[in-house]
Protein backbone atom coordinates (compact mmCIF):
# COMPACT_ATOMS: atom_id res chain seq x y z
CA MET A 1 -114.70 55.41 64.30
CA VAL A 2 -114.43 56.54 67.91
CA GLU A 3 -114.60 53.76 70.45
CA HIS A 4 -117.04 54.66 73.23
CA GLU A 5 -115.75 53.75 76.66
CA ILE A 6 -117.89 53.46 79.73
CA SER A 7 -115.73 56.11 81.47
CA ARG A 8 -117.05 58.93 79.25
CA ARG A 9 -118.53 61.92 81.10
CA VAL A 10 -122.17 62.59 80.36
CA PRO A 11 -124.56 65.50 81.10
CA TYR A 12 -127.55 63.87 82.73
CA GLY A 13 -129.16 62.39 85.78
CA VAL A 14 -130.88 59.05 86.13
CA TRP A 15 -133.92 57.95 88.12
CA ILE A 16 -133.72 54.29 89.02
CA GLU A 17 -136.53 52.15 90.34
CA GLU A 18 -136.02 48.52 91.26
CA ALA A 19 -138.27 46.24 89.24
CA GLN A 20 -140.08 45.13 92.40
CA GLY A 21 -141.63 48.60 92.66
CA SER A 22 -139.40 50.41 95.14
CA VAL A 23 -139.37 54.18 95.51
CA PRO A 24 -137.29 55.70 92.67
CA SER A 25 -133.85 57.05 93.58
CA PHE A 26 -131.95 59.77 91.70
CA TYR A 27 -128.29 59.29 90.73
CA LEU A 28 -125.80 61.33 88.74
CA ALA A 29 -124.28 59.47 85.84
CA HIS A 30 -120.56 59.82 85.27
CA GLY A 31 -119.99 57.29 82.53
CA LEU A 32 -121.89 56.00 79.54
CA GLY A 33 -121.20 53.24 77.07
CA PRO A 34 -123.26 51.32 74.54
CA ASP A 35 -123.93 48.54 77.06
CA GLY A 36 -124.44 50.44 80.31
CA LEU A 37 -123.58 53.34 82.57
CA ARG A 38 -121.79 54.22 85.78
CA LEU A 39 -123.56 56.08 88.56
CA ARG A 40 -122.31 57.79 91.69
CA ALA A 41 -123.82 56.50 94.90
CA ARG A 42 -122.83 55.99 98.52
CA HIS A 43 -125.24 53.07 98.77
CA ALA A 44 -125.74 51.01 95.64
CA PRO A 45 -128.50 48.51 94.88
CA ARG A 46 -127.25 44.95 95.07
CA PRO A 47 -125.76 43.40 91.93
CA GLY A 48 -128.20 41.30 89.95
CA HIS A 49 -131.27 43.43 90.70
CA PRO A 50 -133.35 44.31 87.63
CA VAL A 51 -134.08 48.04 87.48
CA GLN A 52 -136.06 50.51 85.43
CA LEU A 53 -134.08 53.58 84.35
CA ARG A 54 -135.33 57.00 83.32
CA LEU A 55 -132.56 59.07 81.73
CA LEU A 56 -133.07 62.83 82.00
CA VAL A 57 -131.03 64.81 79.50
CA GLU A 58 -129.88 68.22 80.75
CA ASN A 59 -131.56 71.27 79.19
CA GLU A 60 -133.90 69.10 77.16
CA ARG A 61 -137.31 67.62 77.61
CA ARG A 62 -136.26 64.14 76.56
CA VAL A 63 -136.81 61.40 79.08
CA VAL A 64 -136.01 57.87 77.98
CA ALA A 65 -137.08 54.78 79.90
CA LEU A 66 -134.79 51.74 79.71
CA GLN A 67 -134.52 48.37 81.38
CA GLY A 68 -131.33 47.45 83.18
CA GLU A 69 -129.67 45.28 85.75
CA VAL A 70 -127.23 46.29 88.48
CA ALA A 71 -123.96 44.74 87.32
CA GLU A 72 -121.49 45.62 90.09
CA GLU A 73 -120.54 48.03 92.83
CA LEU A 74 -117.59 50.30 92.03
CA ALA A 75 -114.91 52.05 94.02
CA SER A 76 -112.86 54.58 92.05
CA GLU A 77 -110.99 57.87 92.31
CA GLU A 78 -114.28 59.61 91.58
CA GLY A 79 -115.96 58.00 94.58
CA PRO A 80 -118.22 55.03 95.22
CA GLY A 81 -120.89 53.97 92.79
CA PHE A 82 -122.24 51.15 90.71
CA ARG A 83 -122.58 50.03 87.12
CA VAL A 84 -125.87 49.23 85.39
CA ARG A 85 -126.00 47.04 82.29
CA PHE A 86 -128.73 47.85 79.75
CA VAL A 87 -131.12 44.98 78.98
CA ASP A 88 -133.30 44.38 75.88
CA LEU A 89 -132.63 47.68 74.07
CA ASP A 90 -134.80 48.24 71.02
CA ASP A 91 -133.59 50.11 67.92
CA ASP A 92 -134.94 53.50 69.10
CA GLU A 93 -133.30 53.16 72.51
CA GLN A 94 -129.99 52.13 70.94
CA LEU A 95 -130.14 55.13 68.57
CA PHE A 96 -130.89 57.48 71.50
CA LEU A 97 -127.85 56.17 73.40
CA GLU A 98 -125.60 56.52 70.35
CA GLU A 99 -126.76 60.13 69.86
CA LEU A 100 -126.25 60.88 73.56
CA MET A 101 -122.70 59.49 73.45
CA LEU A 102 -121.91 61.63 70.40
CA GLU A 103 -123.38 64.75 72.06
CA SER A 104 -121.27 64.19 75.17
CA ASP A 105 -118.01 63.40 73.33
CA PRO A 106 -115.70 66.45 73.55
CA ASP A 107 -113.53 65.02 70.74
CA GLU A 108 -116.44 65.18 68.29
CA GLU A 109 -116.78 68.98 68.48
């Protein structure tokens, strides 16, 4: 079984709206794992904020809404960003994420 790391590259963008009803912001994802994702951003929401995520899969019409929480700000070789931890995933959402990780895994082809 392939272990899915959060540093995996993924082909999608993410709309994020803070749970308090802020204006949604668009971020490019650059890592996905079973528990969360990494996003590129010059200015990240503060850690601890609950957020609503809408994952937009490239070249498809699938849009999946998930709940999350900003876990931490990140500084890496790939630039600044932040990590979001998924919260309260149901079975369908978990299955969607597993399928997305498999689709984006170059070793699985």
